[in-house]
N, C-alpha and C. Protein backbone atom coordinates (compact mmCIF):
# COMPACT_ATOMS: atom_id res chain seq x y z
N UNK A 1 -17.42 -5.15 5.17
CA UNK A 1 -16.71 -5.37 3.91
C UNK A 1 -17.58 -4.96 2.73
N UNK A 2 -16.89 -4.74 1.62
CA UNK A 2 -17.61 -4.51 0.38
C UNK A 2 -18.19 -5.84 -0.12
N UNK A 3 -19.23 -5.80 -0.94
CA UNK A 3 -19.80 -7.04 -1.46
C UNK A 3 -18.74 -7.90 -2.15
N UNK A 4 -18.72 -9.18 -1.81
CA UNK A 4 -17.79 -10.10 -2.44
C UNK A 4 -16.39 -10.11 -1.87
N UNK A 5 -16.13 -9.28 -0.87
CA UNK A 5 -14.79 -9.21 -0.28
C UNK A 5 -14.78 -9.88 1.08
N UNK A 6 -13.79 -10.75 1.28
CA UNK A 6 -13.60 -11.38 2.57
C UNK A 6 -12.15 -11.24 2.98
N UNK A 7 -11.92 -10.87 4.23
CA UNK A 7 -10.56 -10.81 4.76
C UNK A 7 -10.55 -11.45 6.14
N UNK A 8 -9.40 -11.93 6.54
CA UNK A 8 -9.25 -12.53 7.85
C UNK A 8 -9.41 -11.46 8.93
N UNK A 9 -10.18 -11.75 9.96
CA UNK A 9 -10.38 -10.80 11.06
C UNK A 9 -9.12 -10.75 11.92
N UNK A 10 -8.50 -9.59 11.96
CA UNK A 10 -7.31 -9.40 12.78
C UNK A 10 -7.48 -8.12 13.61
N UNK A 11 -7.13 -8.20 14.88
CA UNK A 11 -7.20 -7.03 15.75
C UNK A 11 -5.85 -6.84 16.43
N UNK A 12 -5.61 -5.60 16.86
CA UNK A 12 -4.32 -5.25 17.46
C UNK A 12 -4.60 -4.49 18.75
N UNK A 13 -4.38 -5.17 19.87
CA UNK A 13 -4.78 -4.62 21.17
C UNK A 13 -4.05 -3.33 21.52
N UNK A 14 -2.89 -3.10 20.93
CA UNK A 14 -2.09 -1.92 21.29
C UNK A 14 -2.60 -0.63 20.67
N UNK A 15 -3.56 -0.71 19.76
CA UNK A 15 -4.01 0.49 19.04
C UNK A 15 -5.51 0.71 19.22
N UNK A 16 -5.93 1.98 19.25
CA UNK A 16 -7.37 2.27 19.25
C UNK A 16 -8.03 1.69 18.00
N UNK A 17 -9.30 1.37 18.10
CA UNK A 17 -9.96 0.70 16.96
C UNK A 17 -9.95 1.56 15.71
N UNK A 18 -10.02 2.89 15.86
CA UNK A 18 -10.05 3.72 14.64
C UNK A 18 -8.69 3.86 13.98
N UNK A 19 -7.64 3.27 14.60
CA UNK A 19 -6.32 3.25 13.99
C UNK A 19 -5.96 1.85 13.49
N UNK A 20 -6.93 0.94 13.53
CA UNK A 20 -6.75 -0.42 13.03
C UNK A 20 -7.54 -0.58 11.73
N UNK A 21 -7.07 -1.41 10.81
CA UNK A 21 -7.84 -1.66 9.59
C UNK A 21 -9.27 -2.11 9.90
N UNK A 22 -10.20 -1.53 9.16
CA UNK A 22 -11.62 -1.86 9.31
C UNK A 22 -12.11 -1.60 10.74
N UNK A 23 -11.56 -0.56 11.38
CA UNK A 23 -11.96 -0.20 12.74
C UNK A 23 -11.79 -1.37 13.70
N UNK A 24 -10.81 -2.23 13.44
CA UNK A 24 -10.56 -3.36 14.32
C UNK A 24 -11.72 -4.35 14.37
N UNK A 25 -12.59 -4.31 13.35
CA UNK A 25 -13.75 -5.19 13.28
C UNK A 25 -14.64 -5.06 14.53
N UNK A 26 -14.56 -3.92 15.19
CA UNK A 26 -15.35 -3.72 16.42
C UNK A 26 -16.83 -3.57 16.09
N UNK A 27 -17.67 -4.12 16.96
CA UNK A 27 -19.11 -3.94 16.82
C UNK A 27 -19.45 -2.48 17.10
N UNK A 28 -20.24 -1.88 16.22
CA UNK A 28 -20.56 -0.46 16.37
C UNK A 28 -21.95 -0.27 16.97
N UNK A 29 -22.02 0.69 17.87
CA UNK A 29 -23.30 1.02 18.48
C UNK A 29 -24.15 1.83 17.50
N UNK A 30 -25.41 2.02 17.85
CA UNK A 30 -26.30 2.85 17.03
C UNK A 30 -25.73 4.25 16.89
N UNK A 31 -25.15 4.76 17.99
CA UNK A 31 -24.56 6.10 17.96
C UNK A 31 -23.35 6.15 17.04
N UNK A 32 -22.53 5.09 17.07
CA UNK A 32 -21.37 5.02 16.19
C UNK A 32 -21.79 5.04 14.72
N UNK A 33 -22.80 4.25 14.42
CA UNK A 33 -23.27 4.17 13.04
C UNK A 33 -23.85 5.50 12.58
N UNK A 34 -24.55 6.16 13.47
CA UNK A 34 -25.10 7.47 13.13
C UNK A 34 -23.99 8.48 12.89
N UNK A 35 -22.92 8.39 13.70
CA UNK A 35 -21.77 9.27 13.51
C UNK A 35 -21.09 9.02 12.17
N UNK A 36 -20.97 7.75 11.78
CA UNK A 36 -20.38 7.42 10.48
C UNK A 36 -21.21 8.01 9.34
N UNK A 37 -22.51 7.84 9.44
CA UNK A 37 -23.40 8.36 8.39
C UNK A 37 -23.32 9.88 8.30
N UNK A 38 -23.21 10.52 9.46
CA UNK A 38 -23.10 11.98 9.49
C UNK A 38 -21.80 12.43 8.84
N UNK A 39 -20.69 11.72 9.14
CA UNK A 39 -19.41 12.05 8.53
C UNK A 39 -19.47 11.92 7.02
N UNK A 40 -19.99 10.79 6.53
CA UNK A 40 -20.04 10.55 5.09
C UNK A 40 -20.91 11.61 4.41
N UNK A 41 -22.07 11.90 5.01
CA UNK A 41 -22.97 12.90 4.44
C UNK A 41 -22.30 14.27 4.36
N UNK A 42 -21.55 14.62 5.40
CA UNK A 42 -20.90 15.94 5.44
C UNK A 42 -19.80 16.05 4.40
N UNK A 43 -18.97 15.02 4.28
CA UNK A 43 -17.84 15.14 3.35
C UNK A 43 -18.31 15.01 1.89
N UNK A 44 -19.34 14.22 1.66
CA UNK A 44 -19.90 14.15 0.31
C UNK A 44 -20.53 15.49 -0.06
N UNK A 45 -21.21 16.09 0.90
CA UNK A 45 -21.80 17.41 0.66
C UNK A 45 -20.75 18.47 0.37
N UNK A 46 -19.62 18.37 1.07
CA UNK A 46 -18.56 19.38 0.91
C UNK A 46 -17.81 19.22 -0.40
N UNK A 47 -17.67 17.98 -0.87
CA UNK A 47 -16.87 17.73 -2.08
C UNK A 47 -17.71 17.59 -3.34
N UNK A 48 -18.98 17.22 -3.18
CA UNK A 48 -19.87 17.14 -4.33
C UNK A 48 -20.25 15.74 -4.75
N UNK A 49 -19.50 14.73 -4.35
CA UNK A 49 -19.84 13.36 -4.71
C UNK A 49 -19.04 12.39 -3.83
N UNK A 50 -19.50 11.15 -3.80
CA UNK A 50 -18.76 10.14 -3.05
C UNK A 50 -17.37 9.92 -3.64
N UNK A 51 -17.28 9.95 -4.96
CA UNK A 51 -15.99 9.73 -5.61
C UNK A 51 -15.00 10.82 -5.23
N UNK A 52 -15.44 12.07 -5.26
CA UNK A 52 -14.55 13.18 -4.90
C UNK A 52 -14.19 13.13 -3.42
N UNK A 53 -15.15 12.75 -2.59
CA UNK A 53 -14.89 12.63 -1.15
C UNK A 53 -13.84 11.54 -0.91
N UNK A 54 -13.98 10.44 -1.63
CA UNK A 54 -13.02 9.33 -1.50
C UNK A 54 -11.64 9.77 -1.95
N UNK A 55 -11.57 10.45 -3.08
CA UNK A 55 -10.28 10.90 -3.60
C UNK A 55 -9.59 11.85 -2.63
N UNK A 56 -10.34 12.77 -2.05
CA UNK A 56 -9.77 13.73 -1.10
C UNK A 56 -9.28 13.02 0.16
N UNK A 57 -10.05 12.08 0.63
CA UNK A 57 -9.68 11.36 1.85
C UNK A 57 -8.45 10.50 1.64
N UNK A 58 -8.40 9.78 0.52
CA UNK A 58 -7.23 8.92 0.28
C UNK A 58 -6.00 9.76 -0.05
N UNK A 59 -6.18 10.92 -0.66
CA UNK A 59 -5.04 11.81 -0.89
C UNK A 59 -4.40 12.20 0.44
N UNK A 60 -5.22 12.55 1.41
CA UNK A 60 -4.70 12.89 2.73
C UNK A 60 -4.05 11.68 3.40
N UNK A 61 -4.62 10.51 3.17
CA UNK A 61 -4.06 9.29 3.75
C UNK A 61 -2.67 9.00 3.19
N UNK A 62 -2.52 9.11 1.87
CA UNK A 62 -1.21 8.83 1.26
C UNK A 62 -0.18 9.89 1.66
N UNK A 63 -0.63 11.12 1.82
CA UNK A 63 0.29 12.15 2.31
C UNK A 63 0.80 11.80 3.70
N UNK A 64 -0.09 11.28 4.52
CA UNK A 64 0.30 10.88 5.88
C UNK A 64 1.29 9.71 5.82
N UNK A 65 1.04 8.75 4.94
CA UNK A 65 1.97 7.63 4.78
C UNK A 65 3.35 8.15 4.39
N UNK A 66 3.38 9.03 3.40
CA UNK A 66 4.66 9.54 2.91
C UNK A 66 5.41 10.36 3.96
N UNK A 67 4.64 10.93 4.91
CA UNK A 67 5.25 11.70 5.99
C UNK A 67 5.59 10.83 7.20
N UNK A 68 5.33 9.54 7.09
CA UNK A 68 5.59 8.63 8.21
C UNK A 68 4.56 8.70 9.31
N UNK A 69 3.41 9.31 9.02
CA UNK A 69 2.35 9.44 10.03
C UNK A 69 1.33 8.31 9.84
N UNK A 70 1.72 7.11 10.23
CA UNK A 70 0.91 5.94 9.94
C UNK A 70 -0.39 5.92 10.73
N UNK A 71 -0.37 6.47 11.94
CA UNK A 71 -1.62 6.52 12.72
C UNK A 71 -2.65 7.39 12.01
N UNK A 72 -2.21 8.55 11.55
CA UNK A 72 -3.13 9.42 10.82
C UNK A 72 -3.61 8.74 9.54
N UNK A 73 -2.69 8.07 8.86
CA UNK A 73 -3.07 7.37 7.63
C UNK A 73 -4.16 6.34 7.90
N UNK A 74 -4.01 5.60 9.00
CA UNK A 74 -5.02 4.59 9.34
C UNK A 74 -6.39 5.23 9.55
N UNK A 75 -6.42 6.36 10.23
CA UNK A 75 -7.68 7.08 10.43
C UNK A 75 -8.31 7.44 9.10
N UNK A 76 -7.49 7.96 8.18
CA UNK A 76 -8.00 8.39 6.88
C UNK A 76 -8.49 7.21 6.04
N UNK A 77 -7.74 6.09 6.07
CA UNK A 77 -8.17 4.94 5.28
C UNK A 77 -9.46 4.35 5.85
N UNK A 78 -9.65 4.43 7.16
CA UNK A 78 -10.93 3.99 7.72
C UNK A 78 -12.07 4.90 7.25
N UNK A 79 -11.79 6.19 7.15
CA UNK A 79 -12.79 7.11 6.61
C UNK A 79 -13.11 6.77 5.15
N UNK A 80 -12.07 6.46 4.39
CA UNK A 80 -12.27 6.09 2.98
C UNK A 80 -13.11 4.81 2.88
N UNK A 81 -12.88 3.90 3.80
CA UNK A 81 -13.64 2.65 3.85
C UNK A 81 -15.13 2.93 4.05
N UNK A 82 -15.45 3.94 4.85
CA UNK A 82 -16.85 4.31 5.06
C UNK A 82 -17.47 4.89 3.79
N UNK A 83 -16.66 5.58 3.00
CA UNK A 83 -17.18 6.29 1.83
C UNK A 83 -17.40 5.35 0.65
N UNK A 84 -16.35 4.61 0.27
CA UNK A 84 -16.44 3.67 -0.86
C UNK A 84 -15.66 2.40 -0.51
N UNK A 85 -16.28 1.47 0.18
CA UNK A 85 -15.55 0.32 0.71
C UNK A 85 -15.05 -0.67 -0.34
N UNK A 86 -15.51 -0.56 -1.58
CA UNK A 86 -15.09 -1.51 -2.60
C UNK A 86 -13.80 -1.12 -3.31
N UNK A 87 -13.31 0.10 -3.08
CA UNK A 87 -12.19 0.61 -3.86
C UNK A 87 -10.85 -0.02 -3.45
N UNK A 88 -10.00 -0.24 -4.44
CA UNK A 88 -8.69 -0.86 -4.22
C UNK A 88 -7.86 -0.10 -3.19
N UNK A 89 -7.89 1.22 -3.22
CA UNK A 89 -7.03 2.01 -2.34
C UNK A 89 -7.30 1.75 -0.86
N UNK A 90 -8.51 1.35 -0.51
CA UNK A 90 -8.82 1.02 0.88
C UNK A 90 -7.95 -0.14 1.35
N UNK A 91 -7.90 -1.19 0.56
CA UNK A 91 -7.18 -2.41 0.94
C UNK A 91 -5.67 -2.22 0.79
N UNK A 92 -5.28 -1.45 -0.20
CA UNK A 92 -3.87 -1.07 -0.37
C UNK A 92 -3.41 -0.29 0.86
N UNK A 93 -4.20 0.68 1.26
CA UNK A 93 -3.84 1.49 2.42
C UNK A 93 -3.78 0.68 3.70
N UNK A 94 -4.76 -0.21 3.89
CA UNK A 94 -4.75 -1.05 5.09
C UNK A 94 -3.56 -2.01 5.07
N UNK A 95 -3.16 -2.46 3.88
CA UNK A 95 -1.97 -3.32 3.78
C UNK A 95 -0.74 -2.57 4.27
N UNK A 96 -0.62 -1.32 3.88
CA UNK A 96 0.51 -0.50 4.31
C UNK A 96 0.47 -0.29 5.82
N UNK A 97 -0.71 -0.05 6.36
CA UNK A 97 -0.87 0.12 7.80
C UNK A 97 -0.48 -1.16 8.54
N UNK A 98 -0.97 -2.30 8.05
CA UNK A 98 -0.63 -3.59 8.68
C UNK A 98 0.87 -3.82 8.67
N UNK A 99 1.50 -3.44 7.56
CA UNK A 99 2.94 -3.65 7.43
C UNK A 99 3.74 -2.74 8.34
N UNK A 100 3.48 -1.44 8.27
CA UNK A 100 4.35 -0.48 8.94
C UNK A 100 3.93 -0.16 10.37
N UNK A 101 2.66 -0.25 10.69
CA UNK A 101 2.21 0.04 12.06
C UNK A 101 2.31 -1.20 12.93
N UNK A 102 1.92 -2.36 12.37
CA UNK A 102 1.79 -3.56 13.19
C UNK A 102 2.78 -4.66 12.81
N UNK A 103 3.60 -4.41 11.80
CA UNK A 103 4.59 -5.41 11.35
C UNK A 103 3.93 -6.76 11.09
N UNK A 104 2.73 -6.72 10.57
CA UNK A 104 1.97 -7.94 10.28
C UNK A 104 2.03 -8.19 8.77
N UNK A 105 3.08 -8.88 8.35
CA UNK A 105 3.29 -9.09 6.92
C UNK A 105 2.29 -10.07 6.32
N UNK A 106 1.80 -10.97 7.14
CA UNK A 106 0.78 -11.91 6.65
C UNK A 106 -0.51 -11.17 6.31
N UNK A 107 -0.91 -10.27 7.19
CA UNK A 107 -2.10 -9.46 6.92
C UNK A 107 -1.87 -8.56 5.71
N UNK A 108 -0.69 -7.95 5.63
CA UNK A 108 -0.39 -7.08 4.50
C UNK A 108 -0.47 -7.85 3.19
N UNK A 109 0.07 -9.06 3.17
CA UNK A 109 0.03 -9.90 1.96
C UNK A 109 -1.41 -10.14 1.53
N UNK A 110 -2.25 -10.53 2.48
CA UNK A 110 -3.66 -10.78 2.16
C UNK A 110 -4.35 -9.53 1.62
N UNK A 111 -4.09 -8.40 2.25
CA UNK A 111 -4.75 -7.16 1.85
C UNK A 111 -4.25 -6.65 0.51
N UNK A 112 -2.95 -6.81 0.22
CA UNK A 112 -2.45 -6.45 -1.10
C UNK A 112 -3.14 -7.29 -2.18
N UNK A 113 -3.32 -8.56 -1.91
CA UNK A 113 -3.96 -9.44 -2.90
C UNK A 113 -5.41 -9.00 -3.15
N UNK A 114 -6.10 -8.60 -2.09
CA UNK A 114 -7.46 -8.08 -2.26
C UNK A 114 -7.44 -6.79 -3.08
N UNK A 115 -6.49 -5.91 -2.75
CA UNK A 115 -6.39 -4.63 -3.47
C UNK A 115 -6.21 -4.82 -4.97
N UNK A 116 -5.46 -5.85 -5.34
CA UNK A 116 -5.23 -6.13 -6.77
C UNK A 116 -6.51 -6.48 -7.51
N UNK A 117 -7.50 -6.97 -6.79
CA UNK A 117 -8.74 -7.41 -7.41
C UNK A 117 -9.83 -6.35 -7.42
N UNK A 118 -9.63 -5.28 -6.67
CA UNK A 118 -10.68 -4.27 -6.49
C UNK A 118 -10.54 -3.14 -7.52
N UNK A 119 -11.59 -2.36 -7.69
CA UNK A 119 -11.59 -1.31 -8.73
C UNK A 119 -10.59 -0.19 -8.46
N UNK A 120 -10.06 0.36 -9.54
CA UNK A 120 -9.25 1.58 -9.55
C UNK A 120 -7.97 1.50 -8.71
N UNK A 121 -7.15 0.48 -8.90
CA UNK A 121 -5.87 0.43 -8.17
C UNK A 121 -4.96 1.57 -8.60
N UNK A 122 -4.15 2.07 -7.68
CA UNK A 122 -3.19 3.11 -8.04
C UNK A 122 -1.98 2.45 -8.69
N UNK A 123 -1.23 3.23 -9.47
CA UNK A 123 -0.13 2.66 -10.24
C UNK A 123 0.97 2.07 -9.37
N UNK A 124 1.10 2.58 -8.15
CA UNK A 124 2.17 2.11 -7.26
C UNK A 124 1.80 0.85 -6.48
N UNK A 125 0.62 0.28 -6.72
CA UNK A 125 0.17 -0.85 -5.91
C UNK A 125 1.15 -2.03 -5.96
N UNK A 126 1.50 -2.46 -7.15
CA UNK A 126 2.39 -3.62 -7.26
C UNK A 126 3.80 -3.28 -6.77
N UNK A 127 4.22 -2.05 -6.94
CA UNK A 127 5.54 -1.65 -6.41
C UNK A 127 5.56 -1.79 -4.89
N UNK A 128 4.49 -1.35 -4.23
CA UNK A 128 4.42 -1.47 -2.77
C UNK A 128 4.32 -2.93 -2.35
N UNK A 129 3.53 -3.71 -3.10
CA UNK A 129 3.38 -5.12 -2.76
C UNK A 129 4.71 -5.86 -2.94
N UNK A 130 5.38 -5.60 -4.05
CA UNK A 130 6.67 -6.25 -4.28
C UNK A 130 7.69 -5.90 -3.22
N UNK A 131 7.70 -4.65 -2.79
CA UNK A 131 8.62 -4.24 -1.72
C UNK A 131 8.32 -4.99 -0.44
N UNK A 132 7.04 -5.14 -0.11
CA UNK A 132 6.67 -5.88 1.09
C UNK A 132 7.15 -7.33 1.00
N UNK A 133 7.03 -7.94 -0.17
CA UNK A 133 7.48 -9.32 -0.34
C UNK A 133 8.99 -9.44 -0.18
N UNK A 134 9.72 -8.43 -0.62
CA UNK A 134 11.17 -8.44 -0.38
C UNK A 134 11.48 -8.35 1.11
N UNK A 135 10.77 -7.47 1.81
CA UNK A 135 10.97 -7.34 3.25
C UNK A 135 10.65 -8.66 3.96
N UNK A 136 9.66 -9.38 3.43
CA UNK A 136 9.28 -10.67 3.99
C UNK A 136 10.23 -11.80 3.55
N UNK A 137 11.30 -11.42 2.85
CA UNK A 137 12.30 -12.38 2.37
C UNK A 137 11.70 -13.41 1.43
N UNK A 138 10.88 -12.88 0.51
CA UNK A 138 10.23 -13.73 -0.50
C UNK A 138 10.55 -13.21 -1.90
N UNK A 139 11.83 -13.18 -2.27
CA UNK A 139 12.20 -12.58 -3.56
C UNK A 139 11.61 -13.28 -4.77
N UNK A 140 11.40 -14.59 -4.68
CA UNK A 140 10.82 -15.30 -5.82
C UNK A 140 9.37 -14.90 -6.06
N UNK A 141 8.65 -14.63 -4.99
CA UNK A 141 7.29 -14.11 -5.14
C UNK A 141 7.31 -12.65 -5.56
N UNK A 142 8.31 -11.92 -5.09
CA UNK A 142 8.37 -10.48 -5.37
C UNK A 142 8.68 -10.19 -6.83
N UNK A 143 9.54 -10.98 -7.45
CA UNK A 143 10.01 -10.61 -8.80
C UNK A 143 8.89 -10.47 -9.82
N UNK A 144 7.98 -11.45 -9.98
CA UNK A 144 6.92 -11.25 -10.98
C UNK A 144 6.02 -10.06 -10.67
N UNK A 145 5.80 -9.79 -9.39
CA UNK A 145 5.00 -8.63 -9.01
C UNK A 145 5.71 -7.35 -9.43
N UNK A 146 7.02 -7.30 -9.21
CA UNK A 146 7.79 -6.10 -9.55
C UNK A 146 8.02 -5.97 -11.04
N UNK A 147 8.10 -7.09 -11.76
CA UNK A 147 8.19 -7.02 -13.23
C UNK A 147 6.96 -6.30 -13.80
N UNK A 148 5.81 -6.59 -13.21
CA UNK A 148 4.59 -5.90 -13.65
C UNK A 148 4.54 -4.48 -13.11
N UNK A 149 5.11 -4.27 -11.92
CA UNK A 149 5.09 -2.94 -11.32
C UNK A 149 5.77 -1.91 -12.20
N UNK A 150 6.90 -2.29 -12.81
CA UNK A 150 7.62 -1.33 -13.65
C UNK A 150 6.91 -1.09 -14.98
N UNK A 151 6.00 -1.99 -15.35
CA UNK A 151 5.15 -1.75 -16.52
C UNK A 151 4.01 -0.82 -16.15
N UNK A 152 3.48 -1.01 -14.94
CA UNK A 152 2.39 -0.15 -14.47
C UNK A 152 2.85 1.29 -14.27
N UNK A 153 4.06 1.45 -13.73
CA UNK A 153 4.61 2.78 -13.40
C UNK A 153 6.07 2.84 -13.85
N UNK A 154 6.31 2.93 -15.16
CA UNK A 154 7.68 2.84 -15.67
C UNK A 154 8.62 3.95 -15.22
N UNK A 155 8.07 5.06 -14.72
CA UNK A 155 8.91 6.16 -14.27
C UNK A 155 9.17 6.14 -12.77
N UNK A 156 8.72 5.11 -12.09
CA UNK A 156 8.86 5.01 -10.64
C UNK A 156 10.20 4.33 -10.33
N UNK A 157 11.19 5.13 -9.97
CA UNK A 157 12.54 4.62 -9.75
C UNK A 157 12.63 3.57 -8.67
N UNK A 158 11.84 3.74 -7.60
CA UNK A 158 11.92 2.78 -6.49
C UNK A 158 11.47 1.39 -6.93
N UNK A 159 10.51 1.33 -7.85
CA UNK A 159 10.06 0.02 -8.34
C UNK A 159 11.19 -0.67 -9.10
N UNK A 160 11.93 0.10 -9.89
CA UNK A 160 13.07 -0.47 -10.61
C UNK A 160 14.16 -0.92 -9.64
N UNK A 161 14.39 -0.14 -8.59
CA UNK A 161 15.38 -0.53 -7.57
C UNK A 161 14.99 -1.86 -6.93
N UNK A 162 13.73 -1.98 -6.55
CA UNK A 162 13.28 -3.21 -5.90
C UNK A 162 13.30 -4.39 -6.87
N UNK A 163 13.01 -4.12 -8.15
CA UNK A 163 13.13 -5.18 -9.14
C UNK A 163 14.58 -5.64 -9.28
N UNK A 164 15.50 -4.69 -9.25
CA UNK A 164 16.92 -5.05 -9.31
C UNK A 164 17.30 -5.94 -8.14
N UNK A 165 16.81 -5.61 -6.95
CA UNK A 165 17.10 -6.41 -5.76
C UNK A 165 16.54 -7.82 -5.92
N UNK A 166 15.28 -7.90 -6.37
CA UNK A 166 14.65 -9.22 -6.53
C UNK A 166 15.40 -10.05 -7.56
N UNK A 167 15.73 -9.43 -8.69
CA UNK A 167 16.47 -10.17 -9.72
C UNK A 167 17.82 -10.66 -9.19
N UNK A 168 18.52 -9.80 -8.48
CA UNK A 168 19.82 -10.19 -7.94
C UNK A 168 19.68 -11.34 -6.95
N UNK A 169 18.72 -11.24 -6.05
CA UNK A 169 18.54 -12.29 -5.04
C UNK A 169 18.11 -13.61 -5.67
N UNK A 170 17.49 -13.53 -6.83
CA UNK A 170 17.05 -14.74 -7.53
C UNK A 170 18.08 -15.24 -8.54
N UNK A 171 19.25 -14.58 -8.58
CA UNK A 171 20.28 -15.01 -9.51
C UNK A 171 20.00 -14.67 -10.96
N UNK A 172 19.17 -13.65 -11.18
CA UNK A 172 18.80 -13.23 -12.54
C UNK A 172 19.85 -12.25 -13.05
N UNK A 173 20.44 -12.57 -14.20
CA UNK A 173 21.50 -11.74 -14.77
C UNK A 173 21.01 -10.36 -15.19
N UNK A 174 19.69 -10.18 -15.26
CA UNK A 174 19.14 -8.89 -15.69
C UNK A 174 19.07 -7.88 -14.55
N UNK A 175 19.64 -8.21 -13.40
CA UNK A 175 19.61 -7.28 -12.26
C UNK A 175 20.23 -5.94 -12.63
N UNK A 176 21.36 -5.96 -13.34
CA UNK A 176 22.05 -4.71 -13.66
C UNK A 176 21.25 -3.86 -14.64
N UNK A 177 20.45 -4.48 -15.50
CA UNK A 177 19.60 -3.71 -16.39
C UNK A 177 18.58 -2.92 -15.59
N UNK A 178 18.05 -3.53 -14.53
CA UNK A 178 17.10 -2.82 -13.67
C UNK A 178 17.79 -1.73 -12.87
N UNK A 179 19.05 -1.98 -12.46
CA UNK A 179 19.84 -0.95 -11.77
C UNK A 179 19.99 0.27 -12.68
N UNK A 180 20.31 0.02 -13.93
CA UNK A 180 20.51 1.12 -14.88
C UNK A 180 19.23 1.92 -15.06
N UNK A 181 18.10 1.22 -15.17
CA UNK A 181 16.82 1.92 -15.32
C UNK A 181 16.49 2.72 -14.06
N UNK A 182 16.74 2.13 -12.90
CA UNK A 182 16.46 2.82 -11.64
C UNK A 182 17.25 4.11 -11.54
N UNK A 183 18.51 4.06 -11.93
CA UNK A 183 19.37 5.24 -11.85
C UNK A 183 18.85 6.37 -12.73
N UNK A 184 18.25 6.03 -13.85
CA UNK A 184 17.70 7.04 -14.77
C UNK A 184 16.45 7.72 -14.21
N UNK A 185 15.75 7.01 -13.32
CA UNK A 185 14.44 7.48 -12.85
C UNK A 185 14.51 8.27 -11.55
N UNK A 186 15.69 8.51 -11.04
CA UNK A 186 15.85 9.27 -9.81
C UNK A 186 15.07 8.65 -8.65
N UNK A 187 15.53 7.52 -8.15
CA UNK A 187 14.85 6.90 -7.02
C UNK A 187 14.89 7.80 -5.79
N UNK A 188 13.99 7.53 -4.87
CA UNK A 188 13.89 8.34 -3.65
C UNK A 188 15.13 8.17 -2.79
N UNK A 189 15.29 9.08 -1.83
CA UNK A 189 16.42 8.98 -0.91
C UNK A 189 16.43 7.66 -0.16
N UNK A 190 15.23 7.17 0.15
CA UNK A 190 15.13 5.91 0.90
C UNK A 190 15.68 4.73 0.13
N UNK A 191 15.53 4.74 -1.19
CA UNK A 191 15.99 3.59 -1.97
C UNK A 191 17.35 3.80 -2.60
N UNK A 192 17.91 5.00 -2.44
CA UNK A 192 19.22 5.27 -3.02
C UNK A 192 20.31 4.35 -2.49
N UNK A 193 20.29 4.12 -1.17
CA UNK A 193 21.28 3.22 -0.57
C UNK A 193 21.09 1.80 -1.06
N UNK A 194 19.83 1.39 -1.22
CA UNK A 194 19.54 0.04 -1.73
C UNK A 194 20.08 -0.11 -3.15
N UNK A 195 19.92 0.94 -3.95
CA UNK A 195 20.40 0.90 -5.33
C UNK A 195 21.91 0.76 -5.37
N UNK A 196 22.59 1.53 -4.54
CA UNK A 196 24.05 1.43 -4.48
C UNK A 196 24.50 0.04 -4.04
N UNK A 197 23.80 -0.49 -3.05
CA UNK A 197 24.16 -1.81 -2.51
C UNK A 197 24.00 -2.90 -3.56
N UNK A 198 22.89 -2.89 -4.29
CA UNK A 198 22.68 -3.95 -5.29
C UNK A 198 23.61 -3.76 -6.47
N UNK A 199 23.90 -2.50 -6.83
CA UNK A 199 24.87 -2.26 -7.92
C UNK A 199 26.22 -2.86 -7.57
N UNK A 200 26.65 -2.63 -6.34
CA UNK A 200 27.96 -3.17 -5.91
C UNK A 200 27.93 -4.70 -5.80
N UNK A 201 26.86 -5.23 -5.23
CA UNK A 201 26.78 -6.68 -5.02
C UNK A 201 26.72 -7.42 -6.34
N UNK A 202 26.04 -6.82 -7.32
CA UNK A 202 25.86 -7.48 -8.62
C UNK A 202 27.03 -7.16 -9.56
N UNK A 203 27.96 -6.31 -9.11
CA UNK A 203 29.12 -5.90 -9.92
C UNK A 203 28.67 -5.26 -11.24
N UNK A 204 27.68 -4.36 -11.10
CA UNK A 204 27.21 -3.64 -12.29
C UNK A 204 28.22 -2.57 -12.66
N UNK A 205 28.23 -2.18 -13.90
CA UNK A 205 29.15 -1.14 -14.36
C UNK A 205 28.72 0.22 -13.82
C-alpha cells in the first residue's frame, strides 16, 4: 500500500493474482520483486518520468475498461500500482475491477472511498462511485455523491442520468431537471435506456 493507506485484504480464488487488485495481496519472491523493479525502470525510461509512465499505463487501463476488457484493465492497474501507488486512479481502477470482475460491491465501496482521498482523482470518479451505489440499491447514499459528480464533470451525460435515477428513487421532485440536463449532454448508449426509463417513470415532459 501507499503510505497512510489501508484496505481490507480480499482475494479471489477464481482469478490469477495479477488480475486481482493489489496482486491478490500475494507474497512476492525475490525474483518477483526484481521483475517489478525491472518493469518500472523500463517504462519510466521509455516515457521519461514516473508521472508519464503512470499516465500512459492508466490510459491503457481505462481504454480496456471502456472496451469491456476487465482482465486487461486489472493487469494495467496493477502496473500503475507499482509505478505510483498513492494515486487516486489506482484505487478507482481497482474499485471498478472489484465491481465488474468479481461483483464485490463491498470492496468497490471501500476502494472508491479511498480513491476520493488520494491525489489527482479523475473527474468521473464520483460518477462511477454513484453508479455503483445505485447498483447496490443504495440511492440515498448515491444521490449526494452524484450531486457532486455533475459539478465535477458537468458535461458527463451519464452522471446526470444516474442523478436523475437517484433523485427519482428518493422521491426528489428535481428528477426531471436532471433528466433534461442528461438529454442535453448526449449520454452514452448504455445509459440511454436508463434515461428513457426514468423519464417515463417520473412523468417528465
